[in-house]
Amino acid sequence: MGMLALIAGLTGIWVVGSAMTGATNASVEPAPAPATEIRLTTSDQVEIAASYWKADDSTAPAILLLHGNGGNRRDMLDMATWLAGEGYSVLSIDMRGHGQSSPQSKSFGYLEARDAHAALAWLRQQHPASKLGAIGFSLGGAASVLGDRGPLDVDALVMMSVYPDIRTAIFNRIEAAVRTLPAVAIEPMLSYQSIPRYGVGPDKLSPLAAMNKVRVPVMVVGGELDAYTPPAEIEAMYRAAPPGSEWWILEGLGHDEVVRANDPAFRKKLETYLVRSLAR
């Protein structure tokens, strides 16, 4: 009976892991004009859906937008239209397993990094004379620095509500749902599923550790009420970032609210960072 219970428990944990990494593809309404809809192909032949805003000035800076887990490029629409209105070219993608991209399992940023690199290469091809930036929320921010190629080669990087490492991220999410004691027991059984699922240990899923490979000052952003990536973790990311980096905590906002933040003071702070980092 004890062995059967153990097998049932382990099977249940695997099922939970499958749900966490399963694709969440969905129909995405096209972005309004003047945006155009395009498709890209990654180095491992995954098709990526994207929306593209082209600036009137072909040499204007271009910015890549990367959404969070379970979302799609529509989540970044407010950010995209604001940036386009400020004169930037913008590319917002659906990462693998999301939106209208190929239905692939999720890897919390490790394989999604290939989507980010493919999108950045496309932007660079379209804008060879432009400086490039990236803004990533949660999963998207992790994808901007993880993977076998390392951080994106950009001139500006904004990381919004990005987890420091996968073990902490999973623990925080379990704790938010069922409290601390179950989280202590369950977290390792979920975190180490990264090995059979996509071939790397949880140590490879650490944006915090990857910060020492980033070559430009970073803007790190979080929400005051974010239970998944609390302010202390945002501060740790900032302190691991290159000299000249900065951080900002959005008052009264939880995890999923950060990506839609349009607080004037925050927008001004973000604009100042982008102008300084992407100056021609």
Protein backbone atom coordinates (compact mmCIF):
# COMPACT_ATOMS: atom_id res chain seq x y z
CA MET A 1 0.00 0.00 0.00
CA GLY A 2 2.87 2.36 0.87
CA MET A 3 4.58 1.73 -2.47
CA LEU A 4 1.34 2.36 -4.34
CA ALA A 5 0.89 5.62 -2.48
CA LEU A 6 4.45 6.66 -3.36
CA ILE A 7 3.94 5.83 -7.02
CA ALA A 8 0.65 7.71 -7.04
CA GLY A 9 2.30 10.72 -5.40
CA LEU A 10 5.20 10.81 -7.84
CA THR A 11 2.83 10.38 -10.76
CA GLY A 12 0.80 13.29 -9.46
CA ILE A 13 3.90 15.49 -9.22
CA TRP A 14 4.83 14.58 -12.80
CA VAL A 15 1.32 15.50 -13.94
CA VAL A 16 1.64 18.86 -12.19
CA GLY A 17 4.97 19.40 -13.95
CA SER A 18 3.36 18.54 -17.27
CA ALA A 19 0.66 21.13 -16.63
CA MET A 20 3.29 23.75 -15.76
CA THR A 21 5.29 23.11 -18.92
CA GLY A 22 2.41 22.41 -21.30
CA ALA A 23 1.75 24.70 -24.25
CA THR A 24 -0.83 27.46 -23.78
CA ASN A 25 -1.39 28.42 -27.40
CA ALA A 26 -4.33 30.68 -28.14
CA SER A 27 -5.79 32.81 -30.89
CA VAL A 28 -4.36 36.32 -30.87
CA GLU A 29 -6.17 39.27 -32.40
CA PRO A 30 -3.92 41.12 -34.87
CA ALA A 31 -2.42 44.33 -33.59
CA PRO A 32 -4.07 47.45 -35.02
CA ALA A 33 -2.46 49.34 -37.91
CA PRO A 34 0.18 50.41 -38.59
CA ALA A 35 1.48 47.15 -37.12
CA THR A 36 1.95 44.19 -39.45
CA GLU A 37 1.83 40.49 -38.60
CA ILE A 38 4.87 38.36 -39.44
CA ARG A 39 6.28 34.88 -38.77
CA LEU A 40 9.86 33.94 -37.92
CA THR A 41 11.74 30.63 -37.70
CA THR A 42 14.17 29.86 -34.88
CA SER A 43 17.46 27.96 -35.03
CA ASP A 44 15.63 24.78 -34.01
CA GLN A 45 12.90 25.27 -36.63
CA VAL A 46 10.16 26.54 -34.32
CA GLU A 47 7.75 29.00 -35.95
CA ILE A 48 7.19 32.24 -34.07
CA ALA A 49 4.31 34.66 -34.58
CA ALA A 50 4.98 38.37 -34.14
CA SER A 51 3.63 41.89 -34.57
CA TYR A 52 5.90 44.58 -36.00
CA TRP A 53 5.74 48.35 -35.85
CA LYS A 54 8.17 50.08 -38.22
CA ALA A 55 9.30 53.58 -37.33
CA ASP A 56 9.26 56.27 -40.01
CA ASP A 57 12.97 56.77 -39.37
CA SER A 58 14.70 53.56 -40.43
CA THR A 59 17.68 54.35 -38.18
CA ALA A 60 15.56 54.84 -35.05
CA PRO A 61 16.23 52.38 -32.22
CA ALA A 62 14.29 49.10 -32.33
CA ILE A 63 12.92 47.25 -29.31
CA LEU A 64 12.00 43.59 -28.84
CA LEU A 65 9.12 42.77 -26.46
CA LEU A 66 8.90 39.40 -24.70
CA HIS A 67 5.75 38.40 -22.79
CA GLY A 68 5.31 36.30 -19.66
CA ASN A 69 4.38 32.68 -18.99
CA GLY A 70 0.94 31.71 -20.25
CA GLY A 71 0.54 34.99 -22.12
CA ASN A 72 1.14 36.19 -25.65
CA ARG A 73 2.17 39.27 -27.61
CA ARG A 74 -1.22 40.87 -26.98
CA ASP A 75 -0.18 41.33 -23.33
CA MET A 76 2.54 43.70 -24.52
CA LEU A 77 0.25 45.74 -26.81
CA ASP A 78 0.04 48.80 -24.54
CA MET A 79 3.81 48.85 -24.21
CA ALA A 80 4.25 48.33 -27.96
CA THR A 81 1.90 51.12 -29.00
CA TRP A 82 3.44 53.51 -26.49
CA LEU A 83 6.96 52.76 -27.74
CA ALA A 84 5.88 53.04 -31.38
CA GLY A 85 4.30 56.39 -30.57
CA GLU A 86 7.64 57.50 -29.12
CA GLY A 87 9.31 56.79 -32.46
CA TYR A 88 10.77 53.32 -31.89
CA SER A 89 10.46 50.33 -34.18
CA VAL A 90 8.95 47.48 -32.15
CA LEU A 91 8.76 43.71 -32.54
CA SER A 92 6.52 41.80 -30.12
CA ILE A 93 6.55 38.00 -30.36
CA ASP A 94 4.64 34.98 -29.13
CA MET A 95 7.22 32.66 -27.63
CA ARG A 96 7.05 28.93 -28.35
CA GLY A 97 4.08 27.24 -26.75
CA HIS A 98 2.22 30.56 -26.53
CA GLY A 99 -0.19 32.51 -28.70
CA GLN A 100 0.06 31.62 -32.37
CA SER A 101 3.60 30.23 -32.31
CA SER A 102 4.41 26.52 -32.61
CA PRO A 103 2.89 24.43 -29.77
CA GLN A 104 6.01 23.45 -27.84
CA SER A 105 6.54 22.61 -24.18
CA LYS A 106 7.74 25.48 -21.99
CA SER A 107 11.17 25.58 -20.39
CA PHE A 108 10.95 28.72 -18.23
CA GLY A 109 13.21 30.71 -20.52
CA TYR A 110 15.91 28.21 -21.48
CA LEU A 111 14.58 27.17 -24.91
CA GLU A 112 12.48 30.31 -25.27
CA ALA A 113 15.83 32.13 -25.45
CA ARG A 114 16.12 30.76 -29.00
CA ASP A 115 12.91 32.59 -29.88
CA ALA A 116 14.32 35.81 -28.45
CA HIS A 117 17.60 35.42 -30.35
CA ALA A 118 15.78 34.71 -33.63
CA ALA A 119 13.57 37.75 -33.16
CA LEU A 120 16.54 39.97 -32.33
CA ALA A 121 18.40 38.73 -35.41
CA TRP A 122 15.37 39.61 -37.54
CA LEU A 123 15.24 43.10 -36.00
CA ARG A 124 18.95 43.58 -36.63
CA GLN A 125 18.50 42.56 -40.27
CA GLN A 126 15.68 45.08 -40.69
CA HIS A 127 17.54 47.85 -38.84
CA PRO A 128 21.29 47.36 -39.39
CA ALA A 129 22.06 50.98 -38.46
CA SER A 130 19.93 51.03 -35.30
CA LYS A 131 20.63 50.40 -31.66
CA LEU A 132 18.54 47.56 -30.23
CA GLY A 133 16.81 47.03 -26.91
CA ALA A 134 14.69 44.34 -25.27
CA ILE A 135 11.95 44.46 -22.65
CA GLY A 136 11.03 41.12 -21.09
CA PHE A 137 8.32 40.37 -18.56
CA SER A 138 8.72 37.34 -16.25
CA LEU A 139 9.36 34.39 -18.61
CA GLY A 140 10.31 36.86 -21.33
CA GLY A 141 12.90 38.51 -19.13
CA ALA A 142 14.37 35.12 -18.27
CA ALA A 143 14.54 34.27 -21.98
CA SER A 144 16.52 37.45 -22.59
CA VAL A 145 19.48 36.19 -20.53
CA LEU A 146 19.25 32.35 -20.40
CA GLY A 147 19.93 29.62 -22.97
CA ASP A 148 22.98 28.15 -24.61
CA ARG A 149 23.84 31.47 -26.31
CA GLY A 150 23.65 33.58 -23.18
CA PRO A 151 22.14 37.07 -22.88
CA LEU A 152 20.82 38.96 -25.88
CA ASP A 153 23.34 41.31 -27.49
CA VAL A 154 21.40 44.52 -26.95
CA ASP A 155 22.13 48.10 -26.00
CA ALA A 156 19.27 48.32 -23.48
CA LEU A 157 17.64 45.58 -21.39
CA VAL A 158 14.56 45.97 -19.20
CA MET A 159 13.68 43.00 -16.98
CA MET A 160 10.22 43.13 -15.42
CA SER A 161 9.24 40.72 -12.60
CA VAL A 162 11.92 38.20 -13.58
CA TYR A 163 12.56 35.30 -11.23
CA PRO A 164 16.12 34.96 -9.82
CA ASP A 165 16.26 31.17 -10.24
CA ILE A 166 13.74 28.47 -11.06
CA ARG A 167 13.81 26.81 -7.64
CA THR A 168 12.90 30.07 -5.93
CA ALA A 169 10.26 30.79 -8.56
CA ILE A 170 8.55 27.42 -8.10
CA PHE A 171 8.78 27.63 -4.30
CA ASN A 172 7.18 31.08 -4.28
CA ARG A 173 4.31 29.94 -6.48
CA ILE A 174 3.60 26.87 -4.37
CA GLU A 175 3.85 28.88 -1.16
CA ALA A 176 1.43 31.48 -2.52
CA ALA A 177 -1.08 28.70 -3.20
CA VAL A 178 -0.65 26.21 -0.34
CA ARG A 179 1.77 27.71 2.23
CA THR A 180 5.39 26.97 3.17
CA LEU A 181 5.54 23.35 4.39
CA PRO A 182 4.18 21.74 1.22
CA ALA A 183 6.38 24.06 -0.85
CA VAL A 184 9.53 22.76 0.86
CA ALA A 185 8.61 19.18 -0.02
CA ILE A 186 7.17 19.68 -3.49
CA GLU A 187 9.55 22.26 -4.99
CA PRO A 188 12.56 19.94 -5.60
CA MET A 189 10.34 17.32 -7.24
CA LEU A 190 9.13 19.94 -9.70
CA SER A 191 12.38 21.88 -10.20
CA TYR A 192 14.47 18.82 -11.07
CA GLN A 193 12.01 17.75 -13.75
CA SER A 194 13.99 20.14 -15.94
CA ILE A 195 16.53 17.34 -16.46
CA PRO A 196 14.25 14.75 -18.11
CA ARG A 197 12.04 17.38 -19.75
CA TYR A 198 14.60 19.59 -21.51
CA GLY A 199 18.00 18.27 -20.61
CA VAL A 200 19.38 20.82 -18.15
CA GLY A 201 19.48 21.03 -14.38
CA PRO A 202 17.72 23.82 -12.49
CA ASP A 203 21.09 25.56 -12.07
CA LYS A 204 20.86 26.50 -15.77
CA LEU A 205 17.60 28.33 -15.08
CA SER A 206 19.01 31.23 -13.09
CA PRO A 207 18.65 34.74 -14.51
CA LEU A 208 20.41 35.98 -11.37
CA ALA A 209 23.54 33.97 -12.21
CA ALA A 210 23.30 35.06 -15.85
CA MET A 211 23.47 38.73 -14.94
CA ASN A 212 27.27 38.59 -14.80
CA LYS A 213 27.25 37.94 -18.56
CA VAL A 214 25.11 40.99 -19.40
CA ARG A 215 27.28 43.74 -20.88
CA VAL A 216 25.01 46.80 -20.54
CA PRO A 217 23.31 48.58 -17.63
CA VAL A 218 19.91 47.01 -16.97
CA MET A 219 16.62 48.43 -15.73
CA VAL A 220 15.08 45.95 -13.28
CA VAL A 221 11.39 46.41 -12.46
CA GLY A 222 9.05 44.70 -9.98
CA GLY A 223 5.74 45.04 -8.20
CA GLU A 224 5.34 45.93 -4.53
CA LEU A 225 2.70 43.22 -4.04
CA ASP A 226 4.26 40.54 -6.25
CA ALA A 227 4.17 37.27 -4.28
CA TYR A 228 5.91 35.37 -7.10
CA THR A 229 8.90 37.72 -7.48
CA PRO A 230 8.87 39.98 -4.41
CA PRO A 231 10.80 43.25 -4.16
CA ALA A 232 13.73 41.65 -2.31
CA GLU A 233 14.35 39.42 -5.32
CA ILE A 234 14.11 42.38 -7.68
CA GLU A 235 16.73 44.17 -5.58
CA ALA A 236 18.98 41.09 -5.75
CA MET A 237 18.69 41.09 -9.54
CA TYR A 238 19.59 44.78 -9.62
CA ARG A 239 22.63 44.27 -7.39
CA ALA A 240 23.87 41.47 -9.68
CA ALA A 241 23.48 43.65 -12.78
CA PRO A 242 26.32 45.66 -14.38
CA PRO A 243 27.35 49.06 -12.99
CA GLY A 244 24.98 51.84 -13.97
CA SER A 245 21.89 49.62 -13.69
CA GLU A 246 18.78 50.81 -11.88
CA TRP A 247 15.64 49.36 -10.35
CA TRP A 248 12.06 50.44 -9.81
CA ILE A 249 9.29 49.02 -7.63
CA LEU A 250 5.75 49.77 -8.79
CA GLU A 251 3.59 50.53 -5.77
CA GLY A 252 0.46 48.47 -5.22
CA LEU A 253 0.99 46.11 -8.15
CA GLY A 254 1.10 42.31 -8.18
CA HIS A 255 2.96 40.06 -10.60
CA ASP A 256 0.65 40.08 -13.62
CA GLU A 257 -0.11 43.79 -13.23
CA VAL A 258 3.49 44.91 -13.72
CA VAL A 259 3.51 44.31 -17.47
CA ARG A 260 0.53 46.65 -17.93
CA ALA A 261 1.84 49.42 -15.71
CA ASN A 262 1.31 52.86 -17.23
CA ASP A 263 2.07 55.00 -14.20
CA PRO A 264 3.41 58.33 -15.55
CA ALA A 265 6.41 58.35 -13.21
CA PHE A 266 7.36 54.82 -14.26
CA ARG A 267 6.90 55.59 -17.95
CA LYS A 268 9.12 58.65 -17.53
CA LYS A 269 11.77 56.57 -15.77
CA LEU A 270 11.62 53.93 -18.51
CA GLU A 271 11.76 56.56 -21.25
CA THR A 272 14.82 58.18 -19.66
CA TYR A 273 16.60 54.83 -19.45
CA LEU A 274 15.82 53.95 -23.07
CA VAL A 275 16.85 57.35 -24.42
CA ARG A 276 20.14 57.19 -22.55
CA SER A 277 20.88 53.58 -23.53
CA LEU A 278 19.79 53.84 -27.16
CA ALA A 279 21.08 57.31 -28.00
CA ARG A 280 22.47 57.50 -31.53
